[in-house]
PDB file of N, CA and C in Angstrom:
ATOM      1  N   UNK A   1     111.371  75.925 110.113  1.00  0.00           N
ATOM      2  CA  UNK A   1     111.387  77.376 110.095  1.00  0.00           C
ATOM      3  C   UNK A   1     110.583  77.868 108.898  1.00  0.00           C
ATOM      4  N   UNK A   2     109.766  78.864 109.087  1.00  0.00           N
ATOM      5  CA  UNK A   2     108.961  79.437 108.016  1.00  0.00           C
ATOM      6  C   UNK A   2     109.833  80.303 107.123  1.00  0.00           C
ATOM      7  N   UNK A   3     109.658  80.155 105.825  1.00  0.00           N
ATOM      8  CA  UNK A   3     110.393  80.993 104.878  1.00  0.00           C
ATOM      9  C   UNK A   3     109.465  82.066 104.349  1.00  0.00           C
ATOM     10  N   UNK A   4     109.952  83.298 104.339  1.00  0.00           N
ATOM     11  CA  UNK A   4     109.177  84.398 103.805  1.00  0.00           C
ATOM     12  C   UNK A   4     109.759  84.881 102.493  1.00  0.00           C
ATOM     13  N   UNK A   5     110.611  84.053 101.878  1.00  0.00           N
ATOM     14  CA  UNK A   5     111.201  84.441 100.602  1.00  0.00           C
ATOM     15  C   UNK A   5     110.110  84.477  99.547  1.00  0.00           C
ATOM     16  N   UNK A   6     110.144  85.500  98.743  1.00  0.00           N
ATOM     17  CA  UNK A   6     109.138  85.648  97.707  1.00  0.00           C
ATOM     18  C   UNK A   6     109.746  85.582  96.325  1.00  0.00           C
ATOM     19  N   UNK A   7     108.989  86.045  95.386  1.00  0.00           N
ATOM     20  CA  UNK A   7     109.377  86.031  93.988  1.00  0.00           C
ATOM     21  C   UNK A   7     110.391  87.104  93.653  1.00  0.00           C
ATOM     22  N   UNK A   8     110.310  88.229  94.321  1.00  0.00           N
ATOM     23  CA  UNK A   8     111.081  89.413  93.945  1.00  0.00           C
ATOM     24  C   UNK A   8     112.305  89.626  94.835  1.00  0.00           C
ATOM     25  N   UNK A   9     113.347  90.251  94.279  1.00  0.00           N
ATOM     26  CA  UNK A   9     114.498  90.622  95.107  1.00  0.00           C
ATOM     27  C   UNK A   9     114.039  91.610  96.182  1.00  0.00           C
ATOM     28  N   UNK A  10     114.687  91.542  97.333  1.00  0.00           N
ATOM     29  CA  UNK A  10     114.271  92.387  98.445  1.00  0.00           C
ATOM     30  C   UNK A  10     115.401  93.290  98.925  1.00  0.00           C
ATOM     31  N   UNK A  11     115.010  94.277  99.704  1.00  0.00           N
ATOM     32  CA  UNK A  11     115.948  95.181 100.369  1.00  0.00           C
ATOM     33  C   UNK A  11     115.508  95.297 101.823  1.00  0.00           C
ATOM     34  N   UNK A  12     116.464  95.455 102.709  1.00  0.00           N
ATOM     35  CA  UNK A  12     116.150  95.602 104.126  1.00  0.00           C
ATOM     36  C   UNK A  12     115.637  97.008 104.397  1.00  0.00           C
ATOM     37  N   UNK A  13     114.477  97.092 105.040  1.00  0.00           N
ATOM     38  CA  UNK A  13     113.916  98.368 105.477  1.00  0.00           C
ATOM     39  C   UNK A  13     113.941  98.352 106.995  1.00  0.00           C
ATOM     40  N   UNK A  14     114.542  99.380 107.570  1.00  0.00           N
ATOM     41  CA  UNK A  14     114.680  99.465 109.020  1.00  0.00           C
ATOM     42  C   UNK A  14     114.171 100.832 109.468  1.00  0.00           C
ATOM     43  N   UNK A  15     113.194 100.826 110.376  1.00  0.00           N
ATOM     44  CA  UNK A  15     112.673 102.061 110.967  1.00  0.00           C
ATOM     45  C   UNK A  15     112.563 101.807 112.461  1.00  0.00           C
ATOM     46  N   UNK A  16     113.328 102.563 113.230  1.00  0.00           N
ATOM     47  CA  UNK A  16     113.358 102.339 114.675  1.00  0.00           C
ATOM     48  C   UNK A  16     113.860 100.940 114.962  1.00  0.00           C
ATOM     49  N   UNK A  17     113.140 100.213 115.821  1.00  0.00           N
ATOM     50  CA  UNK A  17     113.555  98.851 116.162  1.00  0.00           C
ATOM     51  C   UNK A  17     112.881  97.791 115.290  1.00  0.00           C
ATOM     52  N   UNK A  18     112.161  98.235 114.271  1.00  0.00           N
ATOM     53  CA  UNK A  18     111.478  97.300 113.355  1.00  0.00           C
ATOM     54  C   UNK A  18     112.258  97.197 112.052  1.00  0.00           C
ATOM     55  N   UNK A  19     112.282  95.999 111.491  1.00  0.00           N
ATOM     56  CA  UNK A  19     112.942  95.808 110.205  1.00  0.00           C
ATOM     57  C   UNK A  19     112.266  94.668 109.457  1.00  0.00           C
ATOM     58  N   UNK A  20     112.380  94.715 108.123  1.00  0.00           N
ATOM     59  CA  UNK A  20     111.794  93.671 107.283  1.00  0.00           C
ATOM     60  C   UNK A  20     112.450  93.701 105.907  1.00  0.00           C
ATOM     61  N   UNK A  21     112.472  92.548 105.269  1.00  0.00           N
ATOM     62  CA  UNK A  21     112.895  92.455 103.879  1.00  0.00           C
ATOM     63  C   UNK A  21     111.671  92.807 103.029  1.00  0.00           C
ATOM     64  N   UNK A  22     111.809  93.806 102.168  1.00  0.00           N
ATOM     65  CA  UNK A  22     110.704  94.333 101.365  1.00  0.00           C
ATOM     66  C   UNK A  22     111.091  94.235  99.890  1.00  0.00           C
ATOM     67  N   UNK A  23     110.131  93.896  99.020  1.00  0.00           N
ATOM     68  CA  UNK A  23     110.402  93.900  97.582  1.00  0.00           C
ATOM     69  C   UNK A  23     111.120  95.185  97.229  1.00  0.00           C
ATOM     70  N   UNK A  24     112.233  95.068  96.498  1.00  0.00           N
ATOM     71  CA  UNK A  24     113.111  96.227  96.333  1.00  0.00           C
ATOM     72  C   UNK A  24     112.468  97.422  95.640  1.00  0.00           C
ATOM     73  N   UNK A  25     111.515  97.205  94.740  1.00  0.00           N
ATOM     74  CA  UNK A  25     110.872  98.357  94.101  1.00  0.00           C
ATOM     75  C   UNK A  25     109.952  99.101  95.061  1.00  0.00           C
ATOM     76  N   UNK A  26     109.481  98.437  96.095  1.00  0.00           N
ATOM     77  CA  UNK A  26     108.604  99.080  97.080  1.00  0.00           C
ATOM     78  C   UNK A  26     109.343  99.529  98.334  1.00  0.00           C
ATOM     79  N   UNK A  27     110.583  99.112  98.501  1.00  0.00           N
ATOM     80  CA  UNK A  27     111.322  99.422  99.731  1.00  0.00           C
ATOM     81  C   UNK A  27     111.347 100.913 100.073  1.00  0.00           C
ATOM     82  N   UNK A  28     111.654 101.806  99.119  1.00  0.00           N
ATOM     83  CA  UNK A  28     111.649 103.237  99.477  1.00  0.00           C
ATOM     84  C   UNK A  28     110.269 103.743  99.907  1.00  0.00           C
ATOM     85  N   UNK A  29     109.231 103.228  99.282  1.00  0.00           N
ATOM     86  CA  UNK A  29     107.867 103.640  99.629  1.00  0.00           C
ATOM     87  C   UNK A  29     107.494 103.150 101.021  1.00  0.00           C
ATOM     88  N   UNK A  30     107.787 101.883 101.301  1.00  0.00           N
ATOM     89  CA  UNK A  30     107.483 101.329 102.625  1.00  0.00           C
ATOM     90  C   UNK A  30     108.304 102.048 103.691  1.00  0.00           C
ATOM     91  N   UNK A  31     109.548 102.349 103.382  1.00  0.00           N
ATOM     92  CA  UNK A  31     110.397 103.102 104.318  1.00  0.00           C
ATOM     93  C   UNK A  31     109.732 104.434 104.672  1.00  0.00           C
ATOM     94  N   UNK A  32     109.292 105.175 103.656  1.00  0.00           N
ATOM     95  CA  UNK A  32     108.659 106.479 103.886  1.00  0.00           C
ATOM     96  C   UNK A  32     107.340 106.334 104.650  1.00  0.00           C
ATOM     97  N   UNK A  33     106.541 105.349 104.288  1.00  0.00           N
ATOM     98  CA  UNK A  33     105.259 105.129 104.970  1.00  0.00           C
ATOM     99  C   UNK A  33     105.489 104.849 106.448  1.00  0.00           C
ATOM    100  N   UNK A  34     106.447 103.986 106.726  1.00  0.00           N
ATOM    101  CA  UNK A  34     106.722 103.636 108.131  1.00  0.00           C
ATOM    102  C   UNK A  34     107.353 104.806 108.881  1.00  0.00           C
ATOM    103  N   UNK A  35     108.205 105.570 108.230  1.00  0.00           N
ATOM    104  CA  UNK A  35     108.791 106.742 108.888  1.00  0.00           C
ATOM    105  C   UNK A  35     107.722 107.767 109.253  1.00  0.00           C
ATOM    106  N   UNK A  36     106.628 107.787 108.519  1.00  0.00           N
ATOM    107  CA  UNK A  36     105.512 108.698 108.819  1.00  0.00           C
ATOM    108  C   UNK A  36     104.599 108.138 109.906  1.00  0.00           C
ATOM    109  N   UNK A  37     104.922 106.954 110.420  1.00  0.00           N
ATOM    110  CA  UNK A  37     104.168 106.394 111.539  1.00  0.00           C
ATOM    111  C   UNK A  37     103.049 105.441 111.170  1.00  0.00           C
ATOM    112  N   UNK A  38     102.938 105.070 109.902  1.00  0.00           N
ATOM    113  CA  UNK A  38     101.895 104.134 109.488  1.00  0.00           C
ATOM    114  C   UNK A  38     102.448 102.713 109.513  1.00  0.00           C
ATOM    115  N   UNK A  39     101.613 101.757 109.897  1.00  0.00           N
ATOM    116  CA  UNK A  39     102.008 100.349 109.900  1.00  0.00           C
ATOM    117  C   UNK A  39     101.578  99.682 108.606  1.00  0.00           C
ATOM    118  N   UNK A  40     102.394  98.753 108.149  1.00  0.00           N
ATOM    119  CA  UNK A  40     102.048  97.889 107.021  1.00  0.00           C
ATOM    120  C   UNK A  40     102.332  96.468 107.464  1.00  0.00           C
ATOM    121  N   UNK A  41     101.704  95.490 106.777  1.00  0.00           N
ATOM    122  CA  UNK A  41     102.061  94.126 107.140  1.00  0.00           C
ATOM    123  C   UNK A  41     102.428  93.248 105.964  1.00  0.00           C
ATOM    124  N   UNK A  42     102.051  93.562 104.753  1.00  0.00           N
ATOM    125  CA  UNK A  42     102.545  92.848 103.579  1.00  0.00           C
ATOM    126  C   UNK A  42     102.590  93.813 102.411  1.00  0.00           C
ATOM    127  N   UNK A  43     103.369  93.441 101.407  1.00  0.00           N
ATOM    128  CA  UNK A  43     103.384  94.205 100.167  1.00  0.00           C
ATOM    129  C   UNK A  43     103.941  93.312  99.066  1.00  0.00           C
ATOM    130  N   UNK A  44     103.688  93.700  97.825  1.00  0.00           N
ATOM    131  CA  UNK A  44     104.186  92.956  96.675  1.00  0.00           C
ATOM    132  C   UNK A  44     104.332  93.922  95.509  1.00  0.00           C
ATOM    133  N   UNK A  45     105.468  93.865  94.830  1.00  0.00           N
ATOM    134  CA  UNK A  45     105.699  94.807  93.731  1.00  0.00           C
ATOM    135  C   UNK A  45     105.066  94.351  92.419  1.00  0.00           C
ATOM    136  N   UNK A  46     104.635  93.092  92.298  1.00  0.00           N
ATOM    137  CA  UNK A  46     103.937  92.618  91.094  1.00  0.00           C
ATOM    138  C   UNK A  46     103.143  91.367  91.451  1.00  0.00           C
ATOM    139  N   UNK A  47     101.851  91.532  91.684  1.00  0.00           N
ATOM    140  CA  UNK A  47     100.994  90.429  92.119  1.00  0.00           C
ATOM    141  C   UNK A  47     100.920  89.327  91.064  1.00  0.00           C
ATOM    142  N   UNK A  48     100.842  89.713  89.805  1.00  0.00           N
ATOM    143  CA  UNK A  48     100.775  88.713  88.734  1.00  0.00           C
ATOM    144  C   UNK A  48     102.016  87.833  88.704  1.00  0.00           C
ATOM    145  N   UNK A  49     103.187  88.442  88.834  1.00  0.00           N
ATOM    146  CA  UNK A  49     104.426  87.656  88.876  1.00  0.00           C
ATOM    147  C   UNK A  49     104.440  86.720  90.080  1.00  0.00           C
ATOM    148  N   UNK A  50     104.037  87.230  91.213  1.00  0.00           N
ATOM    149  CA  UNK A  50     104.076  86.427  92.435  1.00  0.00           C
ATOM    150  C   UNK A  50     103.145  85.230  92.378  1.00  0.00           C
ATOM    151  N   UNK A  51     102.083  85.334  91.612  1.00  0.00           N
ATOM    152  CA  UNK A  51     101.104  84.258  91.533  1.00  0.00           C
ATOM    153  C   UNK A  51     101.128  83.540  90.186  1.00  0.00           C
ATOM    154  N   UNK A  52     102.209  83.680  89.447  1.00  0.00           N
ATOM    155  CA  UNK A  52     102.303  83.129  88.092  1.00  0.00           C
ATOM    156  C   UNK A  52     102.125  81.620  88.042  1.00  0.00           C
ATOM    157  N   UNK A  53     102.426  80.901  89.118  1.00  0.00           N
ATOM    158  CA  UNK A  53     102.300  79.445  89.108  1.00  0.00           C
ATOM    159  C   UNK A  53     100.897  78.949  89.470  1.00  0.00           C
ATOM    160  N   UNK A  54     100.022  79.820  89.903  1.00  0.00           N
ATOM    161  CA  UNK A  54      98.669  79.408  90.274  1.00  0.00           C
ATOM    162  C   UNK A  54      97.948  78.626  89.175  1.00  0.00           C
ATOM    163  N   UNK A  55      97.955  79.093  87.919  1.00  0.00           N
ATOM    164  CA  UNK A  55      97.179  78.383  86.890  1.00  0.00           C
ATOM    165  C   UNK A  55      97.603  76.930  86.665  1.00  0.00           C
ATOM    166  N   UNK A  56      98.800  76.555  87.086  1.00  0.00           N
ATOM    167  CA  UNK A  56      99.216  75.156  86.953  1.00  0.00           C
ATOM    168  C   UNK A  56      98.292  74.244  87.748  1.00  0.00           C
ATOM    169  N   UNK A  57      97.906  74.673  88.948  1.00  0.00           N
ATOM    170  CA  UNK A  57      97.009  73.885  89.794  1.00  0.00           C
ATOM    171  C   UNK A  57      95.572  74.389  89.748  1.00  0.00           C
ATOM    172  N   UNK A  58      95.415  75.652  89.386  1.00  0.00           N
ATOM    173  CA  UNK A  58      94.090  76.280  89.368  1.00  0.00           C
ATOM    174  C   UNK A  58      93.874  76.951  88.016  1.00  0.00           C
ATOM    175  N   UNK A  59      93.616  76.164  86.968  1.00  0.00           N
ATOM    176  CA  UNK A  59      93.508  76.742  85.620  1.00  0.00           C
ATOM    177  C   UNK A  59      92.496  77.876  85.499  1.00  0.00           C
ATOM    178  N   UNK A  60      91.456  77.843  86.311  1.00  0.00           N
ATOM    179  CA  UNK A  60      90.437  78.899  86.257  1.00  0.00           C
ATOM    180  C   UNK A  60      90.982  80.254  86.709  1.00  0.00           C
ATOM    181  N   UNK A  61      92.169  80.282  87.326  1.00  0.00           N
ATOM    182  CA  UNK A  61      92.761  81.529  87.815  1.00  0.00           C
ATOM    183  C   UNK A  61      93.668  82.200  86.783  1.00  0.00           C
ATOM    184  N   UNK A  62      93.866  81.578  85.623  1.00  0.00           N
ATOM    185  CA  UNK A  62      94.789  82.107  84.612  1.00  0.00           C
ATOM    186  C   UNK A  62      94.468  83.553  84.234  1.00  0.00           C
ATOM    187  N   UNK A  63      93.226  83.839  83.927  1.00  0.00           N
ATOM    188  CA  UNK A  63      92.846  85.193  83.518  1.00  0.00           C
ATOM    189  C   UNK A  63      93.066  86.200  84.653  1.00  0.00           C
ATOM    190  N   UNK A  64      92.716  85.809  85.873  1.00  0.00           N
ATOM    191  CA  UNK A  64      92.913  86.701  87.016  1.00  0.00           C
ATOM    192  C   UNK A  64      94.392  87.020  87.198  1.00  0.00           C
ATOM    193  N   UNK A  65      95.239  85.989  87.172  1.00  0.00           N
ATOM    194  CA  UNK A  65      96.678  86.198  87.355  1.00  0.00           C
ATOM    195  C   UNK A  65      97.218  87.124  86.275  1.00  0.00           C
ATOM    196  N   UNK A  66      96.854  86.894  85.037  1.00  0.00           N
ATOM    197  CA  UNK A  66      97.332  87.744  83.940  1.00  0.00           C
ATOM    198  C   UNK A  66      96.841  89.182  84.093  1.00  0.00           C
ATOM    199  N   UNK A  67      95.641  89.354  84.614  1.00  0.00           N
ATOM    200  CA  UNK A  67      95.094  90.712  84.771  1.00  0.00           C
ATOM    201  C   UNK A  67      95.793  91.489  85.888  1.00  0.00           C
ATOM    202  N   UNK A  68      96.529  90.797  86.743  1.00  0.00           N
ATOM    203  CA  UNK A  68      97.212  91.451  87.871  1.00  0.00           C
ATOM    204  C   UNK A  68      98.695  91.692  87.607  1.00  0.00           C
ATOM    205  N   UNK A  69      99.167  91.403  86.399  1.00  0.00           N
ATOM    206  CA  UNK A  69     100.563  91.714  86.069  1.00  0.00           C
ATOM    207  C   UNK A  69     100.760  93.221  86.174  1.00  0.00           C
ATOM    208  N   UNK A  70     101.875  93.613  86.780  1.00  0.00           N
ATOM    209  CA  UNK A  70     102.253  95.018  86.989  1.00  0.00           C
ATOM    210  C   UNK A  70     101.364  95.723  88.014  1.00  0.00           C
ATOM    211  N   UNK A  71     100.592  94.983  88.791  1.00  0.00           N
ATOM    212  CA  UNK A  71      99.839  95.551  89.905  1.00  0.00           C
ATOM    213  C   UNK A  71     100.645  95.324  91.173  1.00  0.00           C
ATOM    214  N   UNK A  72     100.732  96.342  92.016  1.00  0.00           N
ATOM    215  CA  UNK A  72     101.400  96.203  93.293  1.00  0.00           C
ATOM    216  C   UNK A  72     100.362  96.295  94.397  1.00  0.00           C
ATOM    217  N   UNK A  73     100.768  95.901  95.602  1.00  0.00           N
ATOM    218  CA  UNK A  73      99.864  96.059  96.737  1.00  0.00           C
ATOM    219  C   UNK A  73     100.660  96.380  97.987  1.00  0.00           C
ATOM    220  N   UNK A  74     100.021  97.103  98.862  1.00  0.00           N
ATOM    221  CA  UNK A  74     100.537  97.359 100.200  1.00  0.00           C
ATOM    222  C   UNK A  74      99.354  97.140 101.141  1.00  0.00           C
ATOM    223  N   UNK A  75      99.508  96.211 102.074  1.00  0.00           N
ATOM    224  CA  UNK A  75      98.456  95.935 103.055  1.00  0.00           C
ATOM    225  C   UNK A  75      98.743  96.683 104.348  1.00  0.00           C
ATOM    226  N   UNK A  76      97.699  97.307 104.867  1.00  0.00           N
ATOM    227  CA  UNK A  76      97.770  98.042 106.122  1.00  0.00           C
ATOM    228  C   UNK A  76      96.799  97.418 107.111  1.00  0.00           C
ATOM    229  N   UNK A  77      97.093  97.455 108.411  1.00  0.00           N
ATOM    230  CA  UNK A  77      96.042  97.197 109.378  1.00  0.00           C
ATOM    231  C   UNK A  77      94.964  98.278 109.174  1.00  0.00           C
ATOM    232  N   UNK A  78      93.729  97.990 109.470  1.00  0.00           N
ATOM    233  CA  UNK A  78      92.622  98.899 109.144  1.00  0.00           C
ATOM    234  C   UNK A  78      92.863 100.318 109.661  1.00  0.00           C
ATOM    235  N   UNK A  79      93.183 100.466 110.924  1.00  0.00           N
ATOM    236  CA  UNK A  79      93.345 101.817 111.489  1.00  0.00           C
ATOM    237  C   UNK A  79      94.456 102.592 110.788  1.00  0.00           C
ATOM    238  N   UNK A  80      95.567 101.926 110.538  1.00  0.00           N
ATOM    239  CA  UNK A  80      96.683 102.599 109.885  1.00  0.00           C
ATOM    240  C   UNK A  80      96.353 102.911 108.425  1.00  0.00           C
ATOM    241  N   UNK A  81      95.657 102.000 107.765  1.00  0.00           N
ATOM    242  CA  UNK A  81      95.265 102.235 106.374  1.00  0.00           C
ATOM    243  C   UNK A  81      94.328 103.422 106.236  1.00  0.00           C
ATOM    244  N   UNK A  82      93.360 103.524 107.141  1.00  0.00           N
ATOM    245  CA  UNK A  82      92.440 104.665 107.109  1.00  0.00           C
ATOM    246  C   UNK A  82      93.177 105.969 107.392  1.00  0.00           C
ATOM    247  N   UNK A  83      94.115 105.929 108.335  1.00  0.00           N
ATOM    248  CA  UNK A  83      94.897 107.132 108.643  1.00  0.00           C
ATOM    249  C   UNK A  83      95.774 107.514 107.452  1.00  0.00           C
ATOM    250  N   UNK A  84      96.349 106.526 106.778  1.00  0.00           N
ATOM    251  CA  UNK A  84      97.171 106.796 105.595  1.00  0.00           C
ATOM    252  C   UNK A  84      96.326 107.442 104.494  1.00  0.00           C
ATOM    253  N   UNK A  85      95.159 106.885 104.210  1.00  0.00           N
ATOM    254  CA  UNK A  85      94.290 107.448 103.167  1.00  0.00           C
ATOM    255  C   UNK A  85      93.855 108.865 103.524  1.00  0.00           C
ATOM    256  N   UNK A  86      93.558 109.120 104.788  1.00  0.00           N
ATOM    257  CA  UNK A  86      93.202 110.478 105.209  1.00  0.00           C
ATOM    258  C   UNK A  86      94.372 111.435 105.018  1.00  0.00           C
ATOM    259  N   UNK A  87      95.573 110.984 105.358  1.00  0.00           N
ATOM    260  CA  UNK A  87      96.759 111.829 105.184  1.00  0.00           C
ATOM    261  C   UNK A  87      96.984 112.160 103.715  1.00  0.00           C
ATOM    262  N   UNK A  88      96.831 111.168 102.849  1.00  0.00           N
ATOM    263  CA  UNK A  88      97.014 111.402 101.411  1.00  0.00           C
ATOM    264  C   UNK A  88      95.941 112.360 100.898  1.00  0.00           C
ATOM    265  N   UNK A  89      94.687 112.136 101.312  1.00  0.00           N
ATOM    266  CA  UNK A  89      93.587 112.978 100.846  1.00  0.00           C
ATOM    267  C   UNK A  89      93.734 114.423 101.302  1.00  0.00           C
ATOM    268  N   UNK A  90      94.355 114.619 102.450  1.00  0.00           N
ATOM    269  CA  UNK A  90      94.494 115.960 103.019  1.00  0.00           C
ATOM    270  C   UNK A  90      95.876 116.572 102.813  1.00  0.00           C
ATOM    271  N   UNK A  91      96.670 115.991 101.915  1.00  0.00           N
ATOM    272  CA  UNK A  91      98.073 116.418 101.748  1.00  0.00           C
ATOM    273  C   UNK A  91      98.208 117.728 100.987  1.00  0.00           C
ATOM    274  N   UNK A  92      97.206 118.142 100.268  1.00  0.00           N
ATOM    275  CA  UNK A  92      97.302 119.379  99.522  1.00  0.00           C
ATOM    276  C   UNK A  92      96.639 119.248  98.168  1.00  0.00           C
ATOM    277  N   UNK A  93      96.722 120.286  97.374  1.00  0.00           N
ATOM    278  CA  UNK A  93      96.088 120.262  96.061  1.00  0.00           C
ATOM    279  C   UNK A  93      96.631 119.124  95.201  1.00  0.00           C
ATOM    280  N   UNK A  94      95.782 118.601  94.364  1.00  0.00           N
ATOM    281  CA  UNK A  94      96.186 117.522  93.475  1.00  0.00           C
ATOM    282  C   UNK A  94      97.375 117.967  92.624  1.00  0.00           C
ATOM    283  N   UNK A  95      98.328 117.088  92.479  1.00  0.00           N
ATOM    284  CA  UNK A  95      99.521 117.286  91.648  1.00  0.00           C
ATOM    285  C   UNK A  95     100.421 118.407  92.162  1.00  0.00           C
ATOM    286  N   UNK A  96     100.207 118.848  93.388  1.00  0.00           N
ATOM    287  CA  UNK A  96     101.055 119.906  93.953  1.00  0.00           C
ATOM    288  C   UNK A  96     102.422 119.336  94.311  1.00  0.00           C
TER     289      UNK A  96
END
């Protein structure tokens, strides 16, 4: 059986008939994104933490891993990602 357990604690996000364990710091954001009808397929609340063991086998990656500490990511399928960016861009005046 494939394990999808990651580095970070997770929370269950359920929207309609879809559900997933999501890094707990991103769970509210993913919940809102999905409730707005956008699809996501992966996310991580701290890329550097998740890849902290890479330099043990790949020493040349040490600087990259350290540079990604406190960086998060949310992956979208292309169509949903473009629709999400358009929605954000058209949401209203900056800082409103």
